[in-house]
């Protein structure tokens, strides 16, 4: 969950809210300010800043400040001309809706690419490629984004389970398997329970979440992030989330495919030739049957 959103959900005291408002207004200017200086500027005390950090899930103010500034820099990096949560209105024409969604999807892909860290990507691909079984734990709204990935991986003989039994799979996965946990907010209760099970069993996992401090990413062995522009509420649909996930899974599949490139390509070409031969034979048989039927008439 974005810290910007989380600030709006927590019930702060009047003095705490004054500090939060100051942080929002001043932005980058607070980076080099001490807790004492911020407290003086907001007519509060340094202990107020510490309480805010604790309420936000951080050990101290400096970590909260740095994470929020990192998030703010990300959100300010690109001035999107289409609202990711409400990309069209009742007044837009149908062709305007089409154009808005095209721009939004292009932005989502580029944004996700910019968030990719080469080391984290390398580690994720290695873990997934070496797995006996890859378990993907996610909520039902995201599962459609993994269907093509599932089919592609099956074609190169990698076993993938898109799970609907998160806790069960967290218990049954072993050290030869790989678990991928996907949650936009990083705070979905059933997936947090799966994380707890994996931690207790000493099994590492890969996370895919939005940017921002969240429970699921916190203990991940590898953390990948996707475009984070949609609000958790007050949105029409998961437009950017679905596109970002589909793109990222295409990237992961392609990198895994490349690990055994020649063999995978040769196998696919051989299968395609066999299927095409069978298709032609079926067409010829159907044509012959029709011709014979015509002669009988």
Protein backbone atom coordinates (compact mmCIF):
# COMPACT_ATOMS: atom_id res chain seq x y z
CA UNK A 1 0.00 0.00 0.00
CA UNK A 2 1.24 3.49 -0.82
CA UNK A 3 2.24 5.46 2.23
CA UNK A 4 0.32 8.38 0.73
CA UNK A 5 -2.85 6.26 0.93
CA UNK A 6 -1.98 4.85 4.35
CA UNK A 7 -1.62 8.37 5.79
CA UNK A 8 -5.29 8.91 4.93
CA UNK A 9 -6.47 5.70 6.59
CA UNK A 10 -4.85 6.07 10.02
CA UNK A 11 -6.56 7.99 12.80
CA UNK A 12 -3.89 10.50 13.88
CA UNK A 13 -4.15 12.88 16.80
CA UNK A 14 -4.33 16.61 16.07
CA UNK A 15 -0.61 17.10 16.69
CA UNK A 16 0.30 14.01 14.64
CA UNK A 17 -1.87 15.22 11.77
CA UNK A 18 -0.05 18.55 11.83
CA UNK A 19 3.25 16.73 11.25
CA UNK A 20 1.76 14.57 8.47
CA UNK A 21 0.37 17.67 6.75
CA UNK A 22 3.75 19.37 7.06
CA UNK A 23 5.47 16.36 5.52
CA UNK A 24 3.05 16.41 2.58
CA UNK A 25 3.43 20.15 2.03
CA UNK A 26 7.21 20.38 2.34
CA UNK A 27 8.15 17.22 0.45
CA UNK A 28 11.87 17.00 -0.38
CA UNK A 29 12.63 19.89 1.99
CA UNK A 30 12.25 17.61 5.04
CA UNK A 31 15.05 15.27 3.92
CA UNK A 32 17.78 17.13 5.80
CA UNK A 33 15.64 18.32 8.71
CA UNK A 34 16.07 16.75 12.14
CA UNK A 35 13.11 15.54 14.18
CA UNK A 36 13.66 18.51 16.48
CA UNK A 37 13.48 20.97 13.58
CA UNK A 38 10.29 19.41 12.22
CA UNK A 39 8.78 19.37 15.70
CA UNK A 40 9.57 23.07 16.12
CA UNK A 41 8.09 23.90 12.71
CA UNK A 42 4.85 22.09 13.58
CA UNK A 43 4.68 23.14 17.26
CA UNK A 44 4.86 19.51 18.34
CA UNK A 45 7.58 17.34 19.90
CA UNK A 46 10.11 14.80 18.52
CA UNK A 47 8.17 12.03 20.28
CA UNK A 48 5.17 12.90 18.08
CA UNK A 49 7.19 11.99 14.99
CA UNK A 50 8.20 8.67 16.55
CA UNK A 51 4.55 7.84 17.31
CA UNK A 52 3.63 8.57 13.68
CA UNK A 53 6.39 6.24 12.45
CA UNK A 54 5.19 3.46 14.74
CA UNK A 55 1.57 3.87 13.61
CA UNK A 56 2.79 3.60 10.01
CA UNK A 57 4.68 0.37 10.77
CA UNK A 58 8.24 1.77 10.94
CA UNK A 59 10.78 1.53 13.73
CA UNK A 60 11.72 5.19 13.47
CA UNK A 61 11.02 8.51 11.79
CA UNK A 62 14.05 8.48 9.46
CA UNK A 63 13.00 5.20 7.83
CA UNK A 64 9.45 6.49 7.36
CA UNK A 65 10.70 9.79 5.92
CA UNK A 66 13.09 8.08 3.48
CA UNK A 67 10.48 5.58 2.27
CA UNK A 68 7.90 8.32 1.78
CA UNK A 69 10.35 10.52 -0.16
CA UNK A 70 11.27 7.54 -2.35
CA UNK A 71 7.57 6.96 -3.03
CA UNK A 72 6.97 10.65 -3.74
CA UNK A 73 9.84 10.74 -6.23
CA UNK A 74 8.31 7.75 -8.01
CA UNK A 75 4.84 9.30 -8.16
CA UNK A 76 6.24 12.63 -9.37
CA UNK A 77 8.61 11.07 -11.91
CA UNK A 78 6.05 10.83 -14.68
CA UNK A 79 3.19 13.26 -15.14
CA UNK A 80 0.51 10.90 -16.43
CA UNK A 81 -2.10 12.48 -18.67
CA UNK A 82 -4.62 9.72 -17.90
CA UNK A 83 -5.93 8.94 -14.41
CA UNK A 84 -5.15 5.27 -13.74
CA UNK A 85 -8.13 4.89 -11.43
CA UNK A 86 -10.68 6.85 -13.49
CA UNK A 87 -9.32 6.79 -17.08
CA UNK A 88 -12.59 7.94 -18.68
CA UNK A 89 -15.76 9.80 -17.76
CA UNK A 90 -19.42 9.74 -18.76
CA UNK A 91 -18.67 12.55 -21.23
CA UNK A 92 -15.92 10.76 -23.19
CA UNK A 93 -16.68 9.38 -26.64
CA UNK A 94 -15.97 5.73 -27.31
CA UNK A 95 -12.88 6.53 -29.39
CA UNK A 96 -11.62 8.80 -26.57
CA UNK A 97 -12.01 5.89 -24.16
CA UNK A 98 -10.01 3.70 -26.56
CA UNK A 99 -7.22 6.30 -26.79
CA UNK A 100 -7.12 6.82 -23.02
CA UNK A 101 -6.80 3.09 -22.33
CA UNK A 102 -4.06 2.77 -24.96
CA UNK A 103 -2.02 5.53 -23.30
CA UNK A 104 -2.71 4.08 -19.87
CA UNK A 105 -1.52 0.61 -20.86
CA UNK A 106 1.62 1.99 -22.51
CA UNK A 107 2.38 3.95 -19.34
CA UNK A 108 1.80 0.87 -17.15
CA UNK A 109 4.30 -1.21 -19.13
CA UNK A 110 6.97 1.50 -19.17
CA UNK A 111 6.44 2.21 -15.47
CA UNK A 112 6.85 -1.47 -14.60
CA UNK A 113 9.99 -1.68 -16.73
CA UNK A 114 11.46 1.32 -14.92
CA UNK A 115 10.81 -0.39 -11.57
CA UNK A 116 12.67 -3.57 -12.56
CA UNK A 117 15.95 -4.15 -10.77
CA UNK A 118 18.34 -6.33 -12.78
CA UNK A 119 19.68 -8.20 -9.73
CA UNK A 120 16.20 -8.93 -8.37
CA UNK A 121 15.04 -10.04 -11.83
CA UNK A 122 18.04 -12.37 -12.18
CA UNK A 123 17.38 -13.95 -8.78
CA UNK A 124 13.65 -14.37 -9.51
CA UNK A 125 14.34 -16.05 -12.86
CA UNK A 126 16.91 -18.37 -11.27
CA UNK A 127 14.54 -19.45 -8.49
CA UNK A 128 11.63 -19.99 -10.88
CA UNK A 129 13.71 -21.84 -13.48
CA UNK A 130 15.17 -24.24 -10.92
CA UNK A 131 11.83 -25.02 -9.25
CA UNK A 132 10.27 -28.47 -9.40
CA UNK A 133 6.89 -26.75 -9.10
CA UNK A 134 6.17 -23.03 -9.20
CA UNK A 135 3.23 -22.04 -6.99
CA UNK A 136 1.59 -18.69 -7.72
CA UNK A 137 -0.43 -17.42 -4.76
CA UNK A 138 -2.64 -14.44 -5.56
CA UNK A 139 -6.18 -13.17 -5.12
CA UNK A 140 -8.94 -14.21 -7.57
CA UNK A 141 -9.00 -10.80 -9.30
CA UNK A 142 -5.42 -11.29 -10.52
CA UNK A 143 -5.59 -14.92 -11.62
CA UNK A 144 -6.59 -14.18 -15.22
CA UNK A 145 -3.26 -12.35 -15.68
CA UNK A 146 -1.44 -15.66 -15.10
CA UNK A 147 -3.31 -17.94 -17.51
CA UNK A 148 -1.09 -17.21 -20.52
CA UNK A 149 2.02 -17.57 -18.32
CA UNK A 150 0.73 -20.95 -17.13
CA UNK A 151 0.20 -22.18 -20.70
CA UNK A 152 3.58 -20.86 -21.89
CA UNK A 153 5.42 -22.53 -19.00
CA UNK A 154 3.66 -25.86 -19.59
CA UNK A 155 4.86 -25.78 -23.20
CA UNK A 156 8.48 -25.69 -22.03
CA UNK A 157 7.88 -28.43 -19.43
CA UNK A 158 7.74 -26.26 -16.30
CA UNK A 159 5.11 -27.21 -13.76
CA UNK A 160 3.05 -24.23 -12.58
CA UNK A 161 0.15 -24.14 -10.13
CA UNK A 162 -1.97 -20.99 -10.01
CA UNK A 163 -3.27 -21.59 -6.52
CA UNK A 164 -6.71 -21.17 -5.04
CA UNK A 165 -5.63 -22.97 -1.84
CA UNK A 166 -3.00 -20.55 -0.58
CA UNK A 167 -2.47 -21.91 2.93
CA UNK A 168 -2.49 -25.53 1.74
CA UNK A 169 0.17 -24.86 -0.90
CA UNK A 170 2.27 -22.87 1.57
CA UNK A 171 2.27 -25.98 3.78
CA UNK A 172 2.87 -28.52 0.99
CA UNK A 173 5.58 -26.67 -0.99
CA UNK A 174 9.09 -27.95 -0.33
CA UNK A 175 12.64 -26.68 -0.80
CA UNK A 176 12.70 -27.81 -4.44
CA UNK A 177 9.67 -25.66 -5.22
CA UNK A 178 9.32 -21.92 -5.69
CA UNK A 179 6.49 -19.78 -4.32
CA UNK A 180 5.46 -16.51 -5.99
CA UNK A 181 3.14 -14.31 -3.92
CA UNK A 182 1.30 -11.58 -5.82
CA UNK A 183 -0.66 -8.78 -4.14
CA UNK A 184 -1.03 -5.18 -5.31
CA UNK A 185 -1.47 -3.82 -1.77
CA UNK A 186 0.87 -6.37 -0.18
CA UNK A 187 -1.56 -6.59 2.73
CA UNK A 188 -4.15 -9.22 1.70
CA UNK A 189 -4.91 -11.24 4.83
CA UNK A 190 -4.97 -14.73 3.30
CA UNK A 191 -1.63 -14.10 1.56
CA UNK A 192 -0.07 -12.67 4.74
CA UNK A 193 -1.07 -15.94 6.42
CA UNK A 194 0.74 -17.85 3.66
CA UNK A 195 3.83 -15.71 4.26
CA UNK A 196 3.69 -16.60 7.95
CA UNK A 197 3.53 -20.32 7.10
CA UNK A 198 6.46 -20.06 4.68
CA UNK A 199 8.55 -18.17 7.25
CA UNK A 200 7.83 -20.78 9.90
CA UNK A 201 8.90 -23.51 7.46
CA UNK A 202 12.03 -21.61 6.40
CA UNK A 203 11.02 -21.42 2.73
CA UNK A 204 11.94 -18.33 0.69
CA UNK A 205 9.45 -16.72 -1.67
CA UNK A 206 9.26 -14.10 -4.41
CA UNK A 207 6.87 -11.17 -4.01
CA UNK A 208 5.19 -9.02 -6.65
CA UNK A 209 3.56 -5.95 -5.16
CA UNK A 210 3.04 -2.26 -5.68
CA UNK A 211 5.73 0.06 -4.38
CA UNK A 212 5.58 1.19 -0.76
CA UNK A 213 6.21 -0.52 2.54
CA UNK A 214 4.05 -3.65 2.82
CA UNK A 215 3.95 -6.87 4.82
CA UNK A 216 4.35 -9.32 1.94
CA UNK A 217 7.40 -7.67 0.39
CA UNK A 218 9.07 -7.15 3.76
CA UNK A 219 10.20 -10.78 4.20
CA UNK A 220 10.53 -11.76 0.54
CA UNK A 221 13.78 -13.26 -0.70
CA UNK A 222 13.21 -11.42 -3.97
CA UNK A 223 10.91 -8.43 -4.42
CA UNK A 224 9.53 -7.33 -7.79
CA UNK A 225 7.31 -4.30 -8.17
CA UNK A 226 4.68 -3.24 -10.67
CA UNK A 227 3.22 0.06 -11.81
CA UNK A 228 1.61 1.72 -8.80
CA UNK A 229 -0.86 4.30 -10.05
CA UNK A 230 -4.28 2.91 -9.14
CA UNK A 231 -6.06 3.65 -5.90
CA UNK A 232 -7.11 0.65 -3.84
CA UNK A 233 -10.64 2.04 -3.84
CA UNK A 234 -12.56 4.52 -6.03
CA UNK A 235 -11.48 3.02 -9.34
CA UNK A 236 -13.29 1.63 -12.36
CA UNK A 237 -11.23 -1.55 -12.77
CA UNK A 238 -7.73 -3.01 -12.39
CA UNK A 239 -6.57 -1.62 -15.75
CA UNK A 240 -2.90 -0.90 -14.98
CA UNK A 241 -2.53 -3.76 -12.50
CA UNK A 242 -3.63 -6.38 -15.05
CA UNK A 243 -1.46 -4.94 -17.82
CA UNK A 244 1.57 -4.59 -15.53
CA UNK A 245 1.23 -8.16 -14.25
CA UNK A 246 0.78 -9.59 -17.74
CA UNK A 247 3.86 -7.71 -18.96
CA UNK A 248 5.98 -8.76 -15.97
CA UNK A 249 4.97 -12.43 -16.33
CA UNK A 250 5.83 -12.25 -20.04
CA UNK A 251 9.27 -10.94 -19.06
CA UNK A 252 9.77 -13.73 -16.51
CA UNK A 253 8.65 -16.41 -18.98
CA UNK A 254 10.92 -15.04 -21.71
CA UNK A 255 13.95 -15.02 -19.39
CA UNK A 256 13.21 -18.60 -18.30
CA UNK A 257 12.72 -19.63 -21.95
CA UNK A 258 16.11 -18.15 -22.82
CA UNK A 259 17.81 -20.40 -20.24
CA UNK A 260 17.29 -23.32 -22.63
CA UNK A 261 16.68 -21.30 -25.77
CA UNK A 262 17.72 -23.64 -28.60
CA UNK A 263 16.00 -26.71 -27.13
CA UNK A 264 12.80 -24.78 -26.38
CA UNK A 265 12.71 -23.22 -29.84
CA UNK A 266 13.42 -26.54 -31.59
CA UNK A 267 10.72 -28.34 -29.58
CA UNK A 268 8.16 -25.64 -30.35
CA UNK A 269 8.96 -25.76 -34.08
CA UNK A 270 8.72 -29.56 -34.15
CA UNK A 271 5.37 -29.53 -32.35
CA UNK A 272 4.08 -26.82 -34.69
CA UNK A 273 5.07 -28.88 -37.76
CA UNK A 274 3.33 -32.00 -36.40
CA UNK A 275 0.16 -30.07 -35.54
CA UNK A 276 0.15 -28.34 -38.94
CA UNK A 277 0.55 -31.71 -40.69
CA UNK A 278 -2.36 -33.13 -38.70
CA UNK A 279 -4.46 -30.06 -39.50
CA UNK A 280 -3.79 -30.41 -43.23
CA UNK A 281 -4.65 -34.10 -43.12
CA UNK A 282 -7.92 -33.29 -41.36
CA UNK A 283 -8.74 -30.66 -43.97
CA UNK A 284 -7.97 -33.05 -46.84
CA UNK A 285 -10.07 -35.79 -45.22
CA UNK A 286 -12.98 -33.39 -44.82
CA UNK A 287 -12.66 -32.25 -48.43
CA UNK A 288 -12.56 -35.86 -49.64
CA UNK A 289 -15.65 -36.69 -47.58
CA UNK A 290 -17.51 -33.72 -49.06
CA UNK A 291 -16.43 -34.68 -52.58
CA UNK A 292 -17.62 -38.26 -52.06
CA UNK A 293 -20.93 -37.02 -50.72
CA UNK A 294 -21.34 -34.85 -53.81
CA UNK A 295 -20.72 -37.80 -56.14
CA UNK A 296 -23.33 -39.90 -54.34
CA UNK A 297 -25.93 -37.17 -54.79
